[in-house]
Amino acid sequence: MNEDFARYCSWPYFNDKIKKSFKSIQSNAYSYGLKRGAPFGIPLEINPPLTDQTQISAIGIYKDEEFLVLEILGIDNITPPFYELQYMHNSIKKYIYTEKTKKKRLSNQEKQEDYILNEKDGERSREDTNQPAMDLDPIQIAFRHSTVVTRIPKQV
């Protein structure tokens, strides 16, 4: 979770027009399945929100006054419904500087005890740096005004 993720995901979550548009995918698929059955699957259909001056760039196929979207490239002129966003979670920690040795950590239990970490190189847990990853071009999203995002730590 970072500031950009919070900014981008909060826009559809707090915008009623966008929420209604995403809910239309489920309602359209449900009504299609009831009317025709679904031997080969159900096509996903969305009713795009009518927002003023927002432009969506996409790659697709246009035929018989219908547009099949294959890939969304970008969304421009989005107006976020707020200028400031604060988010918190139990996993977000506030770091406090201590002069103690780094081998010891303070426990959050009732009894304040020190625990010594494993210092043997082969037995320590470490981040898996060889995870398979794919580089994809992100959807370019442009907002009309910048939103200030603040993380609020809940634990130390």
N, C-alpha and C. Protein backbone atom coordinates (compact mmCIF):
# COMPACT_ATOMS: atom_id res chain seq x y z
N MET A 1 0.85 -1.17 0.00
CA MET A 1 0.00 0.00 0.00
C MET A 1 0.89 1.23 0.00
N ASN A 2 0.73 2.06 -0.97
CA ASN A 2 1.48 3.31 -1.01
C ASN A 2 0.52 4.46 -1.35
N GLU A 3 1.06 5.66 -1.43
CA GLU A 3 0.21 6.84 -1.66
C GLU A 3 -0.51 6.78 -3.01
N ASP A 4 0.20 6.35 -4.04
CA ASP A 4 -0.43 6.29 -5.37
C ASP A 4 -1.57 5.28 -5.40
N PHE A 5 -1.36 4.11 -4.78
CA PHE A 5 -2.42 3.10 -4.74
C PHE A 5 -3.65 3.64 -4.00
N ALA A 6 -3.43 4.30 -2.87
CA ALA A 6 -4.54 4.88 -2.11
C ALA A 6 -5.26 5.94 -2.92
N ARG A 7 -4.52 6.76 -3.63
CA ARG A 7 -5.10 7.83 -4.44
C ARG A 7 -5.94 7.25 -5.58
N TYR A 8 -5.40 6.26 -6.29
CA TYR A 8 -6.09 5.69 -7.45
C TYR A 8 -7.30 4.85 -7.06
N CYS A 9 -7.20 4.10 -5.97
CA CYS A 9 -8.32 3.24 -5.57
C CYS A 9 -9.41 3.99 -4.84
N SER A 10 -9.07 5.12 -4.25
CA SER A 10 -10.09 5.89 -3.54
C SER A 10 -11.00 6.64 -4.52
N TRP A 11 -10.48 6.95 -5.71
CA TRP A 11 -11.30 7.67 -6.68
C TRP A 11 -12.56 6.88 -7.05
N PRO A 12 -12.47 5.60 -7.48
CA PRO A 12 -13.72 4.89 -7.78
C PRO A 12 -14.52 4.54 -6.54
N TYR A 13 -13.85 4.37 -5.40
CA TYR A 13 -14.57 3.97 -4.18
C TYR A 13 -15.46 5.08 -3.64
N PHE A 14 -15.01 6.32 -3.73
CA PHE A 14 -15.78 7.44 -3.17
C PHE A 14 -16.60 8.20 -4.21
N ASN A 15 -16.61 7.74 -5.44
CA ASN A 15 -17.38 8.40 -6.49
C ASN A 15 -18.60 7.53 -6.81
N ASP A 16 -19.79 8.05 -6.52
CA ASP A 16 -21.02 7.25 -6.70
C ASP A 16 -21.27 6.86 -8.16
N LYS A 17 -20.93 7.75 -9.11
CA LYS A 17 -21.14 7.42 -10.53
C LYS A 17 -20.26 6.25 -10.95
N ILE A 18 -19.03 6.24 -10.48
CA ILE A 18 -18.10 5.17 -10.84
C ILE A 18 -18.53 3.86 -10.17
N LYS A 19 -18.94 3.95 -8.91
CA LYS A 19 -19.41 2.75 -8.20
C LYS A 19 -20.60 2.13 -8.91
N LYS A 20 -21.53 2.97 -9.32
CA LYS A 20 -22.72 2.49 -10.02
C LYS A 20 -22.32 1.82 -11.34
N SER A 21 -21.32 2.37 -12.00
CA SER A 21 -20.85 1.80 -13.25
C SER A 21 -20.25 0.41 -13.03
N PHE A 22 -19.43 0.26 -11.99
CA PHE A 22 -18.84 -1.05 -11.70
C PHE A 22 -19.92 -2.05 -11.28
N LYS A 23 -20.92 -1.60 -10.54
CA LYS A 23 -22.01 -2.50 -10.14
C LYS A 23 -22.83 -2.95 -11.35
N SER A 24 -22.84 -2.13 -12.41
CA SER A 24 -23.59 -2.49 -13.61
C SER A 24 -23.01 -3.74 -14.27
N ILE A 25 -21.72 -4.02 -14.08
CA ILE A 25 -21.12 -5.22 -14.66
C ILE A 25 -21.79 -6.46 -14.09
N GLN A 26 -21.96 -6.49 -12.76
CA GLN A 26 -22.58 -7.65 -12.12
C GLN A 26 -24.05 -7.76 -12.49
N SER A 27 -24.78 -6.65 -12.46
CA SER A 27 -26.21 -6.71 -12.77
C SER A 27 -26.45 -7.08 -14.23
N ASN A 28 -25.63 -6.58 -15.15
CA ASN A 28 -25.78 -6.94 -16.57
C ASN A 28 -25.48 -8.42 -16.80
N ALA A 29 -24.43 -8.93 -16.16
CA ALA A 29 -24.09 -10.35 -16.32
C ALA A 29 -25.17 -11.24 -15.73
N TYR A 30 -25.74 -10.83 -14.60
CA TYR A 30 -26.80 -11.62 -13.96
C TYR A 30 -28.05 -11.66 -14.84
N SER A 31 -28.45 -10.50 -15.37
CA SER A 31 -29.65 -10.47 -16.21
C SER A 31 -29.43 -11.22 -17.52
N TYR A 32 -28.22 -11.16 -18.07
CA TYR A 32 -27.91 -11.90 -19.29
C TYR A 32 -28.00 -13.40 -19.04
N GLY A 33 -27.48 -13.86 -17.91
CA GLY A 33 -27.52 -15.28 -17.56
C GLY A 33 -28.93 -15.78 -17.34
N LEU A 34 -29.80 -14.95 -16.76
CA LEU A 34 -31.19 -15.35 -16.54
C LEU A 34 -31.97 -15.44 -17.84
N LYS A 35 -31.73 -14.50 -18.76
CA LYS A 35 -32.49 -14.46 -20.01
C LYS A 35 -32.06 -15.54 -21.01
N ARG A 36 -30.74 -15.71 -21.17
CA ARG A 36 -30.26 -16.54 -22.27
C ARG A 36 -29.54 -17.80 -21.82
N GLY A 37 -29.24 -17.94 -20.55
CA GLY A 37 -28.39 -19.05 -20.13
C GLY A 37 -26.95 -18.73 -20.48
N ALA A 38 -26.05 -19.56 -20.07
CA ALA A 38 -24.64 -19.25 -20.32
C ALA A 38 -23.86 -20.52 -20.66
N PRO A 39 -24.15 -21.14 -21.82
CA PRO A 39 -23.40 -22.36 -22.15
C PRO A 39 -21.93 -22.08 -22.48
N PHE A 40 -21.63 -20.89 -23.02
CA PHE A 40 -20.26 -20.56 -23.40
C PHE A 40 -19.70 -19.39 -22.60
N GLY A 41 -20.31 -19.04 -21.51
CA GLY A 41 -19.84 -17.91 -20.70
C GLY A 41 -20.73 -16.69 -20.87
N ILE A 42 -20.54 -15.76 -20.00
CA ILE A 42 -21.34 -14.53 -20.00
C ILE A 42 -20.45 -13.36 -20.38
N PRO A 43 -20.83 -12.57 -21.38
CA PRO A 43 -20.02 -11.39 -21.72
C PRO A 43 -20.15 -10.33 -20.63
N LEU A 44 -19.05 -9.67 -20.33
CA LEU A 44 -19.08 -8.59 -19.36
C LEU A 44 -19.39 -7.29 -20.08
N GLU A 45 -20.37 -6.59 -19.58
CA GLU A 45 -20.79 -5.34 -20.19
C GLU A 45 -20.83 -4.27 -19.11
N ILE A 46 -20.32 -3.08 -19.44
CA ILE A 46 -20.30 -1.98 -18.47
C ILE A 46 -21.03 -0.78 -19.06
N ASN A 47 -21.74 -0.08 -18.21
CA ASN A 47 -22.34 1.19 -18.59
C ASN A 47 -21.41 2.29 -18.09
N PRO A 48 -20.60 2.87 -18.99
CA PRO A 48 -19.63 3.87 -18.53
C PRO A 48 -20.34 5.06 -17.91
N PRO A 49 -19.77 5.62 -16.86
CA PRO A 49 -20.41 6.77 -16.22
C PRO A 49 -20.30 8.02 -17.10
N LEU A 50 -21.35 8.80 -17.09
CA LEU A 50 -21.33 10.05 -17.83
C LEU A 50 -20.75 11.12 -16.92
N THR A 51 -19.48 11.36 -17.08
CA THR A 51 -18.81 12.38 -16.28
C THR A 51 -18.37 13.50 -17.20
N ASP A 52 -18.40 14.70 -16.69
CA ASP A 52 -18.06 15.85 -17.52
C ASP A 52 -16.55 15.95 -17.73
N GLN A 53 -16.16 16.00 -18.97
CA GLN A 53 -14.80 16.23 -19.44
C GLN A 53 -13.82 15.10 -19.16
N THR A 54 -14.25 13.96 -18.64
CA THR A 54 -13.34 12.84 -18.44
C THR A 54 -13.22 12.08 -19.76
N GLN A 55 -11.98 11.79 -20.15
CA GLN A 55 -11.73 11.10 -21.40
C GLN A 55 -11.05 9.77 -21.12
N ILE A 56 -11.50 8.72 -21.80
CA ILE A 56 -10.91 7.39 -21.66
C ILE A 56 -10.30 6.99 -23.00
N SER A 57 -9.02 6.65 -22.99
CA SER A 57 -8.34 6.16 -24.19
C SER A 57 -8.25 4.65 -24.10
N ALA A 58 -8.67 3.98 -25.18
CA ALA A 58 -8.70 2.51 -25.15
C ALA A 58 -8.40 1.95 -26.52
N ILE A 59 -7.98 0.69 -26.54
CA ILE A 59 -7.83 -0.07 -27.78
C ILE A 59 -9.01 -1.03 -27.83
N GLY A 60 -9.68 -1.09 -28.97
CA GLY A 60 -10.84 -1.96 -29.05
C GLY A 60 -11.32 -2.15 -30.48
N ILE A 61 -12.47 -2.79 -30.57
CA ILE A 61 -13.09 -3.09 -31.86
C ILE A 61 -14.46 -2.43 -31.88
N TYR A 62 -14.73 -1.64 -32.93
CA TYR A 62 -16.00 -0.95 -33.07
C TYR A 62 -16.78 -1.57 -34.20
N LYS A 63 -18.01 -2.05 -33.90
CA LYS A 63 -18.84 -2.66 -34.93
C LYS A 63 -20.30 -2.55 -34.51
N ASP A 64 -21.15 -2.18 -35.43
CA ASP A 64 -22.59 -2.08 -35.21
C ASP A 64 -22.93 -1.24 -33.98
N GLU A 65 -22.30 -0.08 -33.88
CA GLU A 65 -22.54 0.87 -32.80
C GLU A 65 -22.24 0.31 -31.41
N GLU A 66 -21.38 -0.70 -31.36
CA GLU A 66 -20.92 -1.23 -30.08
C GLU A 66 -19.40 -1.25 -30.10
N PHE A 67 -18.82 -1.09 -28.93
CA PHE A 67 -17.36 -1.01 -28.81
C PHE A 67 -16.89 -2.07 -27.84
N LEU A 68 -16.03 -2.98 -28.32
CA LEU A 68 -15.44 -4.01 -27.48
C LEU A 68 -14.08 -3.51 -27.02
N VAL A 69 -13.95 -3.23 -25.73
CA VAL A 69 -12.70 -2.71 -25.19
C VAL A 69 -11.74 -3.86 -24.95
N LEU A 70 -10.57 -3.79 -25.56
CA LEU A 70 -9.55 -4.80 -25.36
C LEU A 70 -8.54 -4.37 -24.29
N GLU A 71 -8.26 -3.06 -24.23
CA GLU A 71 -7.30 -2.56 -23.25
C GLU A 71 -7.55 -1.07 -23.01
N ILE A 72 -7.59 -0.69 -21.74
CA ILE A 72 -7.70 0.73 -21.40
C ILE A 72 -6.28 1.28 -21.27
N LEU A 73 -5.99 2.34 -22.02
CA LEU A 73 -4.66 2.93 -22.01
C LEU A 73 -4.53 4.06 -20.99
N GLY A 74 -5.59 4.84 -20.84
CA GLY A 74 -5.50 5.97 -19.92
C GLY A 74 -6.83 6.63 -19.67
N ILE A 75 -6.91 7.33 -18.56
CA ILE A 75 -8.10 8.10 -18.20
C ILE A 75 -7.61 9.50 -17.85
N ASP A 76 -8.23 10.51 -18.41
CA ASP A 76 -7.76 11.88 -18.25
C ASP A 76 -8.85 12.77 -17.66
N ASN A 77 -8.44 13.81 -16.95
CA ASN A 77 -9.33 14.82 -16.35
C ASN A 77 -10.26 14.25 -15.29
N ILE A 78 -9.74 13.43 -14.41
CA ILE A 78 -10.53 12.88 -13.32
C ILE A 78 -10.58 13.90 -12.19
N THR A 79 -11.75 14.11 -11.65
CA THR A 79 -11.90 15.01 -10.51
C THR A 79 -12.11 14.18 -9.25
N PRO A 80 -11.09 14.09 -8.38
CA PRO A 80 -11.29 13.36 -7.13
C PRO A 80 -12.27 14.10 -6.24
N PRO A 81 -13.05 13.37 -5.44
CA PRO A 81 -14.07 14.05 -4.61
C PRO A 81 -13.49 14.66 -3.33
N PHE A 82 -12.17 14.74 -3.20
CA PHE A 82 -11.55 15.29 -1.99
C PHE A 82 -10.17 15.82 -2.33
N TYR A 83 -9.65 16.64 -1.44
CA TYR A 83 -8.31 17.19 -1.60
C TYR A 83 -7.31 16.55 -0.65
N GLU A 84 -7.79 15.88 0.39
CA GLU A 84 -6.91 15.24 1.36
C GLU A 84 -7.46 13.86 1.70
N LEU A 85 -6.58 12.89 1.83
CA LEU A 85 -6.96 11.51 2.11
C LEU A 85 -6.05 10.97 3.21
N GLN A 86 -6.66 10.39 4.25
CA GLN A 86 -5.89 9.77 5.33
C GLN A 86 -6.32 8.32 5.42
N TYR A 87 -5.34 7.42 5.56
CA TYR A 87 -5.68 6.02 5.70
C TYR A 87 -4.84 5.41 6.82
N MET A 88 -5.42 4.38 7.46
CA MET A 88 -4.73 3.70 8.55
C MET A 88 -5.03 2.22 8.50
N HIS A 89 -4.12 1.45 9.08
CA HIS A 89 -4.27 0.01 9.16
C HIS A 89 -3.37 -0.50 10.27
N ASN A 90 -3.73 -1.64 10.86
CA ASN A 90 -2.92 -2.19 11.94
C ASN A 90 -1.51 -2.55 11.49
N SER A 91 -1.34 -2.84 10.22
CA SER A 91 -0.01 -3.23 9.75
C SER A 91 0.91 -2.04 9.53
N ILE A 92 0.37 -0.82 9.51
CA ILE A 92 1.21 0.37 9.34
C ILE A 92 1.79 0.72 10.71
N LYS A 93 3.10 0.72 10.78
CA LYS A 93 3.78 0.92 12.06
C LYS A 93 4.51 2.25 12.08
N LYS A 94 4.56 2.85 13.24
CA LYS A 94 5.34 4.06 13.45
C LYS A 94 6.70 3.62 13.99
N TYR A 95 7.77 4.04 13.33
CA TYR A 95 9.10 3.65 13.74
C TYR A 95 9.63 4.63 14.78
N ILE A 96 10.18 4.08 15.86
CA ILE A 96 10.74 4.89 16.93
C ILE A 96 12.21 4.55 17.04
N TYR A 97 13.05 5.58 17.09
CA TYR A 97 14.49 5.38 17.20
C TYR A 97 14.85 4.96 18.61
N THR A 98 15.75 4.00 18.72
CA THR A 98 16.27 3.57 20.01
C THR A 98 17.78 3.39 19.91
N GLU A 99 18.46 3.62 21.01
CA GLU A 99 19.92 3.49 21.01
C GLU A 99 20.36 2.09 21.39
N LYS A 100 19.44 1.19 21.65
CA LYS A 100 19.78 -0.19 22.01
C LYS A 100 20.38 -0.90 20.81
N THR A 101 21.03 -2.02 21.06
CA THR A 101 21.60 -2.79 19.97
C THR A 101 20.48 -3.32 19.08
N LYS A 102 20.77 -3.48 17.83
CA LYS A 102 19.74 -3.89 16.87
C LYS A 102 19.42 -5.36 16.98
N LYS A 103 20.15 -6.11 17.79
CA LYS A 103 19.89 -7.54 17.94
C LYS A 103 18.68 -7.80 18.81
N LYS A 104 18.24 -6.81 19.56
CA LYS A 104 17.15 -7.02 20.49
C LYS A 104 15.95 -6.17 20.08
N ARG A 105 14.78 -6.72 20.30
CA ARG A 105 13.54 -6.00 20.03
C ARG A 105 12.67 -6.04 21.26
N LEU A 106 11.87 -5.02 21.44
CA LEU A 106 10.99 -4.93 22.59
C LEU A 106 9.69 -5.67 22.29
N SER A 107 9.23 -6.46 23.22
CA SER A 107 8.01 -7.24 23.04
C SER A 107 6.80 -6.38 23.39
N ASN A 108 5.68 -6.63 22.75
CA ASN A 108 4.44 -5.91 23.06
C ASN A 108 3.58 -6.68 24.06
N GLN A 109 4.13 -7.71 24.67
CA GLN A 109 3.40 -8.48 25.65
C GLN A 109 3.34 -7.72 26.96
N GLU A 110 2.54 -8.23 27.91
CA GLU A 110 2.44 -7.57 29.21
C GLU A 110 3.79 -7.51 29.91
N LYS A 111 4.55 -8.57 29.80
CA LYS A 111 5.86 -8.63 30.41
C LYS A 111 6.86 -8.08 29.40
N GLN A 112 7.56 -7.03 29.73
CA GLN A 112 8.52 -6.43 28.82
C GLN A 112 9.78 -7.29 28.81
N GLU A 113 9.96 -8.07 27.77
CA GLU A 113 11.11 -8.94 27.64
C GLU A 113 11.85 -8.63 26.36
N ASP A 114 13.12 -8.95 26.32
CA ASP A 114 13.90 -8.81 25.10
C ASP A 114 14.03 -10.17 24.44
N TYR A 115 13.88 -10.18 23.12
CA TYR A 115 14.06 -11.40 22.36
C TYR A 115 15.26 -11.22 21.45
N ILE A 116 16.16 -12.17 21.43
CA ILE A 116 17.35 -12.09 20.60
C ILE A 116 17.02 -12.73 19.25
N LEU A 117 17.34 -12.01 18.19
CA LEU A 117 17.08 -12.51 16.84
C LEU A 117 18.14 -13.50 16.44
N ASN A 118 17.81 -14.35 15.49
CA ASN A 118 18.75 -15.36 15.00
C ASN A 118 19.81 -14.67 14.14
N GLU A 119 21.07 -14.79 14.53
CA GLU A 119 22.15 -14.11 13.82
C GLU A 119 22.94 -15.05 12.91
N LYS A 120 22.52 -16.31 12.78
CA LYS A 120 23.21 -17.23 11.89
C LYS A 120 22.77 -16.95 10.45
N ASP A 121 23.74 -16.71 9.57
CA ASP A 121 23.44 -16.28 8.20
C ASP A 121 22.51 -17.24 7.45
N GLY A 122 22.76 -18.52 7.53
CA GLY A 122 21.99 -19.47 6.75
C GLY A 122 20.59 -19.71 7.27
N GLU A 123 20.29 -19.31 8.50
CA GLU A 123 19.00 -19.62 9.12
C GLU A 123 18.06 -18.42 9.22
N ARG A 124 18.55 -17.23 8.91
CA ARG A 124 17.71 -16.04 9.02
C ARG A 124 16.68 -16.01 7.88
N SER A 125 15.52 -15.50 8.17
CA SER A 125 14.53 -15.33 7.10
C SER A 125 14.90 -14.09 6.30
N ARG A 126 14.66 -14.15 5.02
CA ARG A 126 14.99 -13.00 4.17
C ARG A 126 13.97 -12.90 3.05
N GLU A 127 13.97 -11.77 2.42
CA GLU A 127 13.04 -11.52 1.33
C GLU A 127 13.42 -12.36 0.12
N ASP A 128 12.42 -12.93 -0.51
CA ASP A 128 12.65 -13.71 -1.73
C ASP A 128 12.81 -12.73 -2.89
N THR A 129 14.03 -12.56 -3.35
CA THR A 129 14.29 -11.55 -4.39
C THR A 129 14.16 -12.12 -5.80
N ASN A 130 13.93 -13.41 -5.92
CA ASN A 130 13.84 -14.03 -7.25
C ASN A 130 12.41 -14.41 -7.60
N GLN A 131 11.46 -13.58 -7.21
CA GLN A 131 10.07 -13.86 -7.54
C GLN A 131 9.80 -13.54 -9.00
N PRO A 132 9.00 -14.37 -9.67
CA PRO A 132 8.68 -14.06 -11.07
C PRO A 132 7.84 -12.79 -11.16
N ALA A 133 8.20 -11.92 -12.06
CA ALA A 133 7.48 -10.65 -12.19
C ALA A 133 7.33 -10.32 -13.66
N MET A 134 6.21 -9.66 -13.98
CA MET A 134 5.97 -9.21 -15.35
C MET A 134 5.90 -7.70 -15.35
N ASP A 135 6.60 -7.07 -16.27
CA ASP A 135 6.52 -5.63 -16.40
C ASP A 135 5.40 -5.30 -17.38
N LEU A 136 4.38 -4.62 -16.89
CA LEU A 136 3.26 -4.21 -17.72
C LEU A 136 3.17 -2.70 -17.73
N ASP A 137 2.75 -2.15 -18.84
CA ASP A 137 2.55 -0.71 -18.90
C ASP A 137 1.31 -0.37 -18.08
N PRO A 138 1.43 0.54 -17.13
CA PRO A 138 0.27 0.88 -16.30
C PRO A 138 -0.72 1.76 -17.05
N ILE A 139 -1.93 1.76 -16.57
CA ILE A 139 -2.93 2.67 -17.11
C ILE A 139 -2.58 4.07 -16.62
N GLN A 140 -2.48 4.99 -17.53
CA GLN A 140 -2.14 6.36 -17.16
C GLN A 140 -3.41 7.07 -16.67
N ILE A 141 -3.39 7.51 -15.42
CA ILE A 141 -4.54 8.19 -14.84
C ILE A 141 -4.11 9.60 -14.47
N ALA A 142 -4.82 10.60 -14.99
CA ALA A 142 -4.49 12.00 -14.72
C ALA A 142 -5.62 12.66 -13.94
N PHE A 143 -5.29 13.23 -12.80
CA PHE A 143 -6.26 13.91 -11.94
C PHE A 143 -6.21 15.42 -12.19
N ARG A 144 -7.33 16.09 -12.00
CA ARG A 144 -7.38 17.55 -12.17
C ARG A 144 -6.64 18.28 -11.06
N HIS A 145 -6.70 17.76 -9.85
CA HIS A 145 -5.95 18.37 -8.75
C HIS A 145 -5.30 17.26 -7.92
N SER A 146 -4.22 17.62 -7.28
CA SER A 146 -3.48 16.64 -6.50
C SER A 146 -4.15 16.41 -5.15
N THR A 147 -4.13 15.17 -4.70
CA THR A 147 -4.68 14.80 -3.41
C THR A 147 -3.52 14.53 -2.45
N VAL A 148 -3.56 15.15 -1.28
CA VAL A 148 -2.55 14.91 -0.27
C VAL A 148 -2.93 13.64 0.48
N VAL A 149 -2.03 12.65 0.45
CA VAL A 149 -2.30 11.35 1.10
C VAL A 149 -1.42 11.23 2.33
N THR A 150 -2.04 10.86 3.47
CA THR A 150 -1.32 10.72 4.73
C THR A 150 -1.57 9.34 5.31
N ARG A 151 -0.48 8.66 5.66
CA ARG A 151 -0.58 7.36 6.36
C ARG A 151 -0.61 7.64 7.86
N ILE A 152 -1.52 6.98 8.57
CA ILE A 152 -1.61 7.14 10.01
C ILE A 152 -1.26 5.79 10.64
N PRO A 153 -0.11 5.70 11.33
CA PRO A 153 0.26 4.43 11.96
C PRO A 153 -0.60 4.14 13.18
N LYS A 154 -0.96 2.87 13.38
CA LYS A 154 -1.77 2.49 14.52
C LYS A 154 -0.95 1.75 15.58
N GLN A 155 0.24 1.28 15.21
CA GLN A 155 1.06 0.55 16.16
C GLN A 155 2.48 1.10 16.12
N VAL A 156 3.23 0.79 17.16
CA VAL A 156 4.62 1.23 17.23
C VAL A 156 5.51 0.02 17.00
